[in-house]
Amino acid sequence: MPSDAKILIVDDHEDTLYALESALAPLGYRLARATSGDQALKQVFRGQVGLLLLDVRMPGVSGLEVVRYMRRLEQTQHIPVILLTGFGADHELTATAYGLGVADLVMKPIEPWALRTKVRYLYDSYQRHRALEQEVRELRALVKDDPGGPEPGPRPALPHPDARVPLQRDSPAATPAKDRP
């Protein structure tokens, strides 16, 4: 599904950004990068971000704070986020991240094939969701603008599912017993 939405990779370490870009390049999606939470928020709020790979611990605005800001606004609250951390599993971090609605929490170092699989699934699902939302908006506009359409009100009743279907004339059951050979 072609789209102009990009995958935004956010990390304060240049080598990590490069590694993530290299891992995701085979997917063929547009990639963008940011080195801070502030830069990430600016790009997200400008639009056209279809997925965010976000380091948890960064100077200034942390990854969790970025997600908190995003979830407050309708236009960004459904963008999938994969949080990345190099500090190991932490129950509090995991609970907070999933409580904010992140799609996944991935530990560094990252397995490229696993990351590509997750990214492909989340990005494509989000794009399909956006396409369906657009189609619904267009259909609603068509229905709203159609002056010749049916008047709102009760719909005609459908036949009851138990309604008997008349028997066919050629069937043995339709022929009276006295007339059967």
N, C-alpha and C. Protein backbone atom coordinates (compact mmCIF):
# COMPACT_ATOMS: atom_id res chain seq x y z
N MET A 1 0.85 -1.17 0.00
CA MET A 1 0.00 0.00 0.00
C MET A 1 0.90 1.23 0.00
N PRO A 2 1.03 1.92 -1.13
CA PRO A 2 1.88 3.09 -1.17
C PRO A 2 1.32 4.20 -0.28
N SER A 3 2.21 4.89 0.37
CA SER A 3 1.79 5.97 1.24
C SER A 3 2.94 6.95 1.37
N ASP A 4 2.60 8.19 1.61
CA ASP A 4 3.65 9.17 1.83
C ASP A 4 3.98 9.31 3.31
N ALA A 5 3.31 8.52 4.17
CA ALA A 5 3.62 8.55 5.59
C ALA A 5 4.99 7.90 5.81
N LYS A 6 5.69 8.44 6.77
CA LYS A 6 7.04 7.94 7.03
C LYS A 6 7.12 7.25 8.38
N ILE A 7 8.20 6.51 8.54
CA ILE A 7 8.52 5.91 9.83
C ILE A 7 9.57 6.81 10.46
N LEU A 8 9.26 7.31 11.63
CA LEU A 8 10.16 8.21 12.33
C LEU A 8 10.95 7.42 13.36
N ILE A 9 12.28 7.48 13.24
CA ILE A 9 13.19 6.79 14.15
C ILE A 9 13.82 7.86 15.06
N VAL A 10 13.68 7.66 16.36
CA VAL A 10 14.14 8.67 17.31
C VAL A 10 15.09 8.04 18.32
N ASP A 11 16.33 8.56 18.32
CA ASP A 11 17.33 8.10 19.29
C ASP A 11 18.38 9.19 19.39
N ASP A 12 18.97 9.35 20.57
CA ASP A 12 19.98 10.39 20.75
C ASP A 12 21.38 9.91 20.38
N HIS A 13 21.51 8.66 19.92
CA HIS A 13 22.81 8.13 19.51
C HIS A 13 22.82 7.90 18.00
N GLU A 14 23.75 8.53 17.33
CA GLU A 14 23.84 8.45 15.88
C GLU A 14 24.04 7.02 15.40
N ASP A 15 24.85 6.23 16.10
CA ASP A 15 25.10 4.85 15.67
C ASP A 15 23.83 4.00 15.75
N THR A 16 22.98 4.25 16.73
CA THR A 16 21.72 3.52 16.84
C THR A 16 20.78 3.90 15.71
N LEU A 17 20.73 5.20 15.38
CA LEU A 17 19.90 5.66 14.26
C LEU A 17 20.33 4.97 12.97
N TYR A 18 21.62 4.92 12.75
CA TYR A 18 22.15 4.28 11.54
C TYR A 18 21.78 2.80 11.51
N ALA A 19 21.94 2.10 12.62
CA ALA A 19 21.63 0.67 12.69
C ALA A 19 20.15 0.42 12.42
N LEU A 20 19.29 1.24 13.00
CA LEU A 20 17.85 1.07 12.79
C LEU A 20 17.47 1.36 11.34
N GLU A 21 18.05 2.41 10.76
CA GLU A 21 17.78 2.71 9.35
C GLU A 21 18.24 1.56 8.45
N SER A 22 19.39 1.00 8.75
CA SER A 22 19.90 -0.12 7.96
C SER A 22 19.00 -1.34 8.09
N ALA A 23 18.50 -1.59 9.29
CA ALA A 23 17.62 -2.74 9.50
C ALA A 23 16.29 -2.58 8.76
N LEU A 24 15.79 -1.34 8.68
CA LEU A 24 14.47 -1.11 8.08
C LEU A 24 14.51 -0.79 6.58
N ALA A 25 15.67 -0.46 6.06
CA ALA A 25 15.79 -0.09 4.65
C ALA A 25 15.20 -1.13 3.70
N PRO A 26 15.38 -2.44 3.92
CA PRO A 26 14.82 -3.42 2.98
C PRO A 26 13.30 -3.37 2.84
N LEU A 27 12.61 -2.77 3.78
CA LEU A 27 11.15 -2.68 3.69
C LEU A 27 10.70 -1.68 2.62
N GLY A 28 11.56 -0.72 2.30
CA GLY A 28 11.23 0.24 1.27
C GLY A 28 10.34 1.40 1.72
N TYR A 29 10.12 1.55 3.00
CA TYR A 29 9.31 2.66 3.51
C TYR A 29 10.16 3.92 3.61
N ARG A 30 9.49 5.07 3.60
CA ARG A 30 10.19 6.33 3.83
C ARG A 30 10.59 6.38 5.30
N LEU A 31 11.84 6.72 5.54
CA LEU A 31 12.35 6.81 6.91
C LEU A 31 12.77 8.24 7.19
N ALA A 32 12.53 8.67 8.43
CA ALA A 32 13.00 9.97 8.89
C ALA A 32 13.63 9.75 10.24
N ARG A 33 14.42 10.71 10.67
CA ARG A 33 15.10 10.56 11.96
C ARG A 33 14.99 11.82 12.78
N ALA A 34 15.10 11.62 14.08
CA ALA A 34 15.17 12.73 15.04
C ALA A 34 16.10 12.28 16.15
N THR A 35 16.80 13.26 16.74
CA THR A 35 17.76 12.92 17.79
C THR A 35 17.30 13.37 19.18
N SER A 36 16.07 13.84 19.28
CA SER A 36 15.55 14.24 20.59
C SER A 36 14.03 14.13 20.59
N GLY A 37 13.48 14.12 21.79
CA GLY A 37 12.03 14.09 21.93
C GLY A 37 11.37 15.32 21.34
N ASP A 38 12.00 16.48 21.51
CA ASP A 38 11.45 17.72 20.95
C ASP A 38 11.37 17.65 19.42
N GLN A 39 12.45 17.20 18.79
CA GLN A 39 12.45 17.06 17.33
C GLN A 39 11.38 16.06 16.88
N ALA A 40 11.24 14.99 17.63
CA ALA A 40 10.24 13.98 17.29
C ALA A 40 8.84 14.57 17.33
N LEU A 41 8.53 15.29 18.40
CA LEU A 41 7.19 15.89 18.51
C LEU A 41 6.92 16.87 17.38
N LYS A 42 7.91 17.67 17.01
CA LYS A 42 7.72 18.61 15.90
C LYS A 42 7.36 17.87 14.62
N GLN A 43 8.07 16.78 14.33
CA GLN A 43 7.77 16.03 13.11
C GLN A 43 6.41 15.34 13.18
N VAL A 44 6.08 14.79 14.33
CA VAL A 44 4.80 14.11 14.49
C VAL A 44 3.66 15.10 14.31
N PHE A 45 3.78 16.28 14.91
CA PHE A 45 2.70 17.26 14.83
C PHE A 45 2.57 17.89 13.45
N ARG A 46 3.64 17.82 12.65
CA ARG A 46 3.54 18.29 11.25
C ARG A 46 2.74 17.31 10.40
N GLY A 47 2.63 16.09 10.86
CA GLY A 47 1.84 15.08 10.14
C GLY A 47 2.71 14.16 9.32
N GLN A 48 2.06 13.21 8.68
CA GLN A 48 2.68 12.24 7.78
C GLN A 48 3.64 11.28 8.48
N VAL A 49 3.43 11.00 9.75
CA VAL A 49 4.19 9.96 10.44
C VAL A 49 3.24 8.78 10.63
N GLY A 50 3.65 7.63 10.10
CA GLY A 50 2.81 6.44 10.16
C GLY A 50 3.23 5.43 11.21
N LEU A 51 4.42 5.65 11.80
CA LEU A 51 4.93 4.77 12.85
C LEU A 51 6.11 5.47 13.50
N LEU A 52 6.26 5.25 14.78
CA LEU A 52 7.34 5.88 15.53
C LEU A 52 8.15 4.80 16.24
N LEU A 53 9.46 4.77 16.00
CA LEU A 53 10.39 3.95 16.77
C LEU A 53 11.10 4.93 17.69
N LEU A 54 10.96 4.73 18.97
CA LEU A 54 11.30 5.78 19.91
C LEU A 54 12.12 5.25 21.08
N ASP A 55 13.31 5.82 21.27
CA ASP A 55 14.14 5.47 22.42
C ASP A 55 13.46 5.98 23.68
N VAL A 56 13.50 5.20 24.74
CA VAL A 56 12.85 5.58 25.99
C VAL A 56 13.62 6.70 26.69
N ARG A 57 14.93 6.50 26.87
CA ARG A 57 15.72 7.44 27.66
C ARG A 57 16.56 8.33 26.75
N MET A 58 16.16 9.59 26.73
CA MET A 58 16.88 10.60 25.96
C MET A 58 16.97 11.85 26.83
N PRO A 59 18.00 12.67 26.61
CA PRO A 59 18.06 13.93 27.36
C PRO A 59 16.90 14.84 26.96
N GLY A 60 16.45 15.65 27.89
CA GLY A 60 15.32 16.54 27.59
C GLY A 60 14.01 15.78 27.68
N VAL A 61 13.25 15.78 26.61
CA VAL A 61 11.96 15.10 26.57
C VAL A 61 12.20 13.61 26.32
N SER A 62 11.76 12.77 27.25
CA SER A 62 11.98 11.32 27.13
C SER A 62 10.98 10.71 26.16
N GLY A 63 11.23 9.47 25.80
CA GLY A 63 10.32 8.76 24.91
C GLY A 63 8.92 8.63 25.50
N LEU A 64 8.85 8.36 26.80
CA LEU A 64 7.54 8.24 27.44
C LEU A 64 6.78 9.57 27.41
N GLU A 65 7.50 10.67 27.58
CA GLU A 65 6.84 11.98 27.51
C GLU A 65 6.32 12.27 26.10
N VAL A 66 7.08 11.86 25.09
CA VAL A 66 6.62 12.02 23.71
C VAL A 66 5.30 11.28 23.51
N VAL A 67 5.25 10.04 24.00
CA VAL A 67 4.02 9.26 23.85
C VAL A 67 2.87 9.92 24.61
N ARG A 68 3.13 10.42 25.80
CA ARG A 68 2.07 11.11 26.57
C ARG A 68 1.50 12.29 25.79
N TYR A 69 2.38 13.11 25.19
CA TYR A 69 1.91 14.25 24.39
C TYR A 69 1.09 13.77 23.19
N MET A 70 1.58 12.74 22.52
CA MET A 70 0.89 12.24 21.33
C MET A 70 -0.51 11.72 21.66
N ARG A 71 -0.65 11.04 22.77
CA ARG A 71 -1.94 10.43 23.12
C ARG A 71 -2.98 11.47 23.52
N ARG A 72 -2.56 12.69 23.79
CA ARG A 72 -3.50 13.75 24.17
C ARG A 72 -4.24 14.34 22.98
N LEU A 73 -3.67 14.21 21.79
CA LEU A 73 -4.25 14.84 20.61
C LEU A 73 -4.89 13.81 19.69
N GLU A 74 -6.06 14.14 19.19
CA GLU A 74 -6.80 13.20 18.35
C GLU A 74 -6.02 12.80 17.10
N GLN A 75 -5.35 13.75 16.45
CA GLN A 75 -4.66 13.43 15.20
C GLN A 75 -3.43 12.56 15.38
N THR A 76 -2.92 12.44 16.61
CA THR A 76 -1.71 11.62 16.82
C THR A 76 -1.92 10.46 17.79
N GLN A 77 -3.08 10.35 18.38
CA GLN A 77 -3.26 9.35 19.44
C GLN A 77 -3.25 7.91 18.95
N HIS A 78 -3.47 7.68 17.66
CA HIS A 78 -3.50 6.31 17.16
C HIS A 78 -2.25 5.91 16.38
N ILE A 79 -1.27 6.78 16.29
CA ILE A 79 -0.03 6.44 15.60
C ILE A 79 0.68 5.35 16.41
N PRO A 80 1.00 4.23 15.77
CA PRO A 80 1.68 3.16 16.52
C PRO A 80 3.09 3.57 16.95
N VAL A 81 3.46 3.16 18.16
CA VAL A 81 4.76 3.49 18.72
C VAL A 81 5.42 2.20 19.20
N ILE A 82 6.67 2.01 18.78
CA ILE A 82 7.51 0.96 19.33
C ILE A 82 8.58 1.65 20.16
N LEU A 83 8.59 1.37 21.45
CA LEU A 83 9.60 1.95 22.34
C LEU A 83 10.82 1.05 22.35
N LEU A 84 11.99 1.67 22.37
CA LEU A 84 13.26 0.95 22.38
C LEU A 84 14.01 1.30 23.67
N THR A 85 14.58 0.29 24.29
CA THR A 85 15.37 0.55 25.49
C THR A 85 16.58 -0.38 25.52
N GLY A 86 17.67 0.17 26.01
CA GLY A 86 18.89 -0.61 26.17
C GLY A 86 19.18 -0.92 27.62
N PHE A 87 18.23 -0.65 28.50
CA PHE A 87 18.46 -0.82 29.94
C PHE A 87 17.79 -2.05 30.51
N GLY A 88 17.39 -2.97 29.68
CA GLY A 88 16.80 -4.22 30.15
C GLY A 88 15.35 -4.08 30.56
N ALA A 89 14.77 -5.22 30.88
CA ALA A 89 13.36 -5.27 31.27
C ALA A 89 13.17 -4.62 32.63
N ASP A 90 12.19 -3.78 32.71
CA ASP A 90 11.88 -3.05 33.93
C ASP A 90 10.36 -3.08 34.06
N HIS A 91 9.85 -3.67 35.14
CA HIS A 91 8.41 -3.83 35.31
C HIS A 91 7.68 -2.48 35.26
N GLU A 92 8.23 -1.49 35.92
CA GLU A 92 7.57 -0.17 35.96
C GLU A 92 7.52 0.45 34.56
N LEU A 93 8.63 0.38 33.84
CA LEU A 93 8.67 0.91 32.47
C LEU A 93 7.68 0.17 31.58
N THR A 94 7.66 -1.15 31.68
CA THR A 94 6.75 -1.95 30.87
C THR A 94 5.30 -1.58 31.15
N ALA A 95 4.94 -1.48 32.42
CA ALA A 95 3.57 -1.14 32.80
C ALA A 95 3.20 0.26 32.30
N THR A 96 4.10 1.20 32.46
CA THR A 96 3.83 2.57 32.00
C THR A 96 3.68 2.63 30.49
N ALA A 97 4.60 1.96 29.78
CA ALA A 97 4.57 1.99 28.32
C ALA A 97 3.28 1.41 27.77
N TYR A 98 2.93 0.23 28.22
CA TYR A 98 1.70 -0.39 27.72
C TYR A 98 0.46 0.35 28.20
N GLY A 99 0.55 0.96 29.37
CA GLY A 99 -0.55 1.80 29.85
C GLY A 99 -0.79 3.01 28.97
N LEU A 100 0.27 3.49 28.33
CA LEU A 100 0.14 4.63 27.41
C LEU A 100 -0.31 4.19 26.01
N GLY A 101 -0.37 2.88 25.81
CA GLY A 101 -0.85 2.39 24.52
C GLY A 101 0.23 2.16 23.48
N VAL A 102 1.47 1.95 23.90
CA VAL A 102 2.49 1.65 22.90
C VAL A 102 2.23 0.26 22.34
N ALA A 103 2.64 0.07 21.09
CA ALA A 103 2.42 -1.22 20.44
C ALA A 103 3.38 -2.28 20.94
N ASP A 104 4.62 -1.88 21.24
CA ASP A 104 5.61 -2.85 21.70
C ASP A 104 6.74 -2.13 22.41
N LEU A 105 7.42 -2.88 23.25
CA LEU A 105 8.61 -2.41 23.96
C LEU A 105 9.72 -3.39 23.60
N VAL A 106 10.75 -2.91 22.90
CA VAL A 106 11.80 -3.77 22.37
C VAL A 106 13.11 -3.46 23.06
N MET A 107 13.82 -4.53 23.43
CA MET A 107 15.11 -4.38 24.09
C MET A 107 16.23 -4.32 23.05
N LYS A 108 17.21 -3.45 23.31
CA LYS A 108 18.40 -3.38 22.47
C LYS A 108 19.40 -4.40 23.00
N PRO A 109 20.23 -5.00 22.21
CA PRO A 109 20.31 -4.88 20.76
C PRO A 109 19.10 -5.56 20.10
N ILE A 110 18.75 -5.06 18.95
CA ILE A 110 17.53 -5.46 18.26
C ILE A 110 17.85 -6.47 17.16
N GLU A 111 17.02 -7.48 17.05
CA GLU A 111 17.13 -8.44 15.96
C GLU A 111 16.48 -7.80 14.73
N PRO A 112 17.23 -7.52 13.66
CA PRO A 112 16.67 -6.82 12.50
C PRO A 112 15.45 -7.49 11.88
N TRP A 113 15.45 -8.82 11.74
CA TRP A 113 14.31 -9.49 11.11
C TRP A 113 13.06 -9.36 11.97
N ALA A 114 13.20 -9.45 13.29
CA ALA A 114 12.05 -9.31 14.19
C ALA A 114 11.51 -7.88 14.14
N LEU A 115 12.42 -6.91 14.12
CA LEU A 115 11.99 -5.52 14.04
C LEU A 115 11.26 -5.25 12.72
N ARG A 116 11.81 -5.75 11.61
CA ARG A 116 11.15 -5.55 10.31
C ARG A 116 9.74 -6.15 10.30
N THR A 117 9.60 -7.32 10.90
CA THR A 117 8.28 -7.96 10.94
C THR A 117 7.28 -7.11 11.73
N LYS A 118 7.69 -6.63 12.89
CA LYS A 118 6.82 -5.79 13.72
C LYS A 118 6.48 -4.49 13.01
N VAL A 119 7.48 -3.87 12.43
CA VAL A 119 7.28 -2.59 11.76
C VAL A 119 6.34 -2.75 10.57
N ARG A 120 6.57 -3.78 9.76
CA ARG A 120 5.72 -4.00 8.58
C ARG A 120 4.27 -4.18 9.01
N TYR A 121 4.04 -5.02 10.01
CA TYR A 121 2.68 -5.27 10.48
C TYR A 121 2.02 -3.99 11.01
N LEU A 122 2.69 -3.29 11.90
CA LEU A 122 2.10 -2.11 12.52
C LEU A 122 1.88 -0.99 11.52
N TYR A 123 2.87 -0.75 10.66
CA TYR A 123 2.76 0.32 9.67
C TYR A 123 1.63 0.02 8.68
N ASP A 124 1.60 -1.19 8.15
CA ASP A 124 0.56 -1.54 7.18
C ASP A 124 -0.83 -1.52 7.82
N SER A 125 -0.95 -1.98 9.05
CA SER A 125 -2.24 -1.94 9.75
C SER A 125 -2.72 -0.50 9.95
N TYR A 126 -1.81 0.37 10.33
CA TYR A 126 -2.17 1.77 10.52
C TYR A 126 -2.59 2.41 9.20
N GLN A 127 -1.89 2.08 8.12
CA GLN A 127 -2.24 2.65 6.81
C GLN A 127 -3.62 2.15 6.36
N ARG A 128 -3.90 0.87 6.59
CA ARG A 128 -5.23 0.35 6.24
C ARG A 128 -6.30 1.03 7.08
N HIS A 129 -6.03 1.23 8.35
CA HIS A 129 -6.97 1.91 9.23
C HIS A 129 -7.25 3.33 8.72
N ARG A 130 -6.20 4.04 8.35
CA ARG A 130 -6.38 5.41 7.82
C ARG A 130 -7.17 5.40 6.51
N ALA A 131 -6.91 4.43 5.64
CA ALA A 131 -7.63 4.34 4.37
C ALA A 131 -9.11 4.06 4.61
N LEU A 132 -9.42 3.20 5.58
CA LEU A 132 -10.83 2.92 5.90
C LEU A 132 -11.51 4.15 6.49
N GLU A 133 -10.82 4.88 7.36
CA GLU A 133 -11.39 6.11 7.91
C GLU A 133 -11.70 7.11 6.81
N GLN A 134 -10.80 7.24 5.84
CA GLN A 134 -11.01 8.15 4.73
C GLN A 134 -12.21 7.70 3.89
N GLU A 135 -12.33 6.43 3.64
CA GLU A 135 -13.45 5.91 2.87
C GLU A 135 -14.78 6.16 3.58
N VAL A 136 -14.80 5.97 4.89
CA VAL A 136 -16.00 6.23 5.67
C VAL A 136 -16.38 7.72 5.57
N ARG A 137 -15.39 8.62 5.68
CA ARG A 137 -15.67 10.05 5.55
C ARG A 137 -16.26 10.37 4.19
N GLU A 138 -15.70 9.78 3.13
CA GLU A 138 -16.19 10.02 1.78
C GLU A 138 -17.61 9.49 1.59
N LEU A 139 -17.87 8.31 2.12
CA LEU A 139 -19.22 7.74 2.00
C LEU A 139 -20.24 8.57 2.78
N ARG A 140 -19.86 9.02 3.95
CA ARG A 140 -20.77 9.87 4.73
C ARG A 140 -21.07 11.17 4.00
N ALA A 141 -20.05 11.73 3.34
CA ALA A 141 -20.26 12.96 2.58
C ALA A 141 -21.19 12.70 1.40
N LEU A 142 -21.04 11.56 0.74
CA LEU A 142 -21.93 11.22 -0.37
C LEU A 142 -23.37 11.07 0.09
N VAL A 143 -23.56 10.37 1.19
CA VAL A 143 -24.91 10.16 1.72
C VAL A 143 -25.51 11.49 2.16
N LYS A 144 -24.73 12.32 2.78
CA LYS A 144 -25.21 13.62 3.26
C LYS A 144 -25.58 14.53 2.09
N ASP A 145 -24.80 14.47 1.02
CA ASP A 145 -25.01 15.36 -0.12
C ASP A 145 -25.99 14.82 -1.16
N ASP A 146 -26.51 13.60 -0.99
CA ASP A 146 -27.41 13.00 -1.98
C ASP A 146 -28.85 13.42 -1.71
N PRO A 147 -29.37 14.44 -2.46
CA PRO A 147 -30.74 14.88 -2.21
C PRO A 147 -31.77 13.86 -2.69
N GLY A 148 -31.42 13.00 -3.61
CA GLY A 148 -32.36 12.01 -4.14
C GLY A 148 -32.34 10.71 -3.38
N GLY A 149 -31.57 10.66 -2.34
CA GLY A 149 -31.45 9.42 -1.57
C GLY A 149 -32.71 9.16 -0.78
N PRO A 150 -32.82 8.00 -0.23
CA PRO A 150 -34.02 7.67 0.56
C PRO A 150 -34.12 8.56 1.79
N GLU A 151 -35.34 8.86 2.12
CA GLU A 151 -35.59 9.67 3.32
C GLU A 151 -35.25 8.85 4.55
N PRO A 152 -34.68 9.49 5.54
CA PRO A 152 -34.42 8.74 6.77
C PRO A 152 -35.73 8.31 7.39
N GLY A 153 -35.73 7.21 7.99
CA GLY A 153 -36.94 6.69 8.62
C GLY A 153 -36.86 5.19 8.71
N PRO A 154 -37.99 4.57 9.02
CA PRO A 154 -37.95 3.12 9.18
C PRO A 154 -37.68 2.43 7.85
N ARG A 155 -36.94 1.38 7.91
CA ARG A 155 -36.63 0.60 6.72
C ARG A 155 -37.74 -0.44 6.52
N PRO A 156 -37.94 -0.89 5.28
CA PRO A 156 -38.96 -1.92 5.07
C PRO A 156 -38.58 -3.19 5.82
N ALA A 157 -39.61 -3.86 6.30
CA ALA A 157 -39.38 -5.08 7.07
C ALA A 157 -38.93 -6.20 6.16
N LEU A 158 -38.00 -6.99 6.64
CA LEU A 158 -37.56 -8.17 5.92
C LEU A 158 -38.48 -9.32 6.27
N PRO A 159 -38.65 -10.29 5.36
CA PRO A 159 -39.51 -11.43 5.72
C PRO A 159 -38.92 -12.19 6.90
N HIS A 160 -39.79 -12.75 7.66
CA HIS A 160 -39.38 -13.54 8.81
C HIS A 160 -38.57 -14.74 8.33
N PRO A 161 -37.50 -15.12 9.02
CA PRO A 161 -36.67 -16.22 8.54
C PRO A 161 -37.40 -17.57 8.49
N ASP A 162 -38.50 -17.69 9.22
CA ASP A 162 -39.24 -18.95 9.21
C ASP A 162 -40.32 -18.98 8.14
N ALA A 163 -40.41 -17.93 7.31
CA ALA A 163 -41.45 -17.90 6.28
C ALA A 163 -41.32 -19.14 5.40
N ARG A 164 -42.44 -19.75 5.13
CA ARG A 164 -42.45 -20.98 4.33
C ARG A 164 -42.33 -20.64 2.86
N VAL A 165 -41.47 -21.38 2.19
CA VAL A 165 -41.29 -21.22 0.75
C VAL A 165 -42.25 -22.19 0.08
N PRO A 166 -43.07 -21.71 -0.87
CA PRO A 166 -44.01 -22.65 -1.52
C PRO A 166 -43.25 -23.76 -2.24
N LEU A 167 -43.81 -24.93 -2.21
CA LEU A 167 -43.19 -26.10 -2.84
C LEU A 167 -43.25 -25.96 -4.35
N GLN A 168 -42.28 -26.53 -5.02
CA GLN A 168 -42.23 -26.51 -6.48
C GLN A 168 -43.26 -27.49 -7.03
N ARG A 169 -43.84 -27.18 -8.17
CA ARG A 169 -44.87 -28.04 -8.77
C ARG A 169 -44.30 -29.40 -9.19
N ASP A 170 -43.06 -29.43 -9.62
CA ASP A 170 -42.51 -30.67 -10.14
C ASP A 170 -41.98 -31.59 -9.06
N SER A 171 -41.96 -31.14 -7.84
CA SER A 171 -41.41 -31.99 -6.78
C SER A 171 -42.47 -32.99 -6.32
N PRO A 172 -42.10 -34.19 -5.88
CA PRO A 172 -43.06 -35.20 -5.43
C PRO A 172 -43.88 -34.71 -4.25
N ALA A 173 -43.31 -33.90 -3.41
CA ALA A 173 -44.04 -33.42 -2.24
C ALA A 173 -45.16 -32.47 -2.65
N ALA A 174 -45.02 -31.80 -3.79
CA ALA A 174 -46.03 -30.85 -4.24
C ALA A 174 -47.20 -31.56 -4.92
N THR A 175 -47.01 -32.79 -5.35
CA THR A 175 -48.08 -33.53 -6.02
C THR A 175 -48.90 -34.25 -4.97
N PRO A 176 -50.23 -34.07 -4.99
CA PRO A 176 -51.06 -34.76 -4.00
C PRO A 176 -50.86 -36.28 -4.09
N ALA A 177 -50.95 -36.96 -2.98
CA ALA A 177 -50.71 -38.40 -2.90
C ALA A 177 -51.61 -39.18 -3.83
N LYS A 178 -52.88 -38.76 -3.99
CA LYS A 178 -53.81 -39.49 -4.83
C LYS A 178 -53.41 -39.43 -6.29
N ASP A 179 -52.65 -38.38 -6.72
CA ASP A 179 -52.26 -38.23 -8.12
C ASP A 179 -50.90 -38.84 -8.42
N ARG A 180 -50.21 -39.36 -7.41
CA ARG A 180 -48.90 -39.96 -7.62
C ARG A 180 -49.05 -41.35 -8.21
N PRO A 181 -48.13 -41.76 -9.08
CA PRO A 181 -48.22 -43.13 -9.63
C PRO A 181 -47.89 -44.21 -8.65
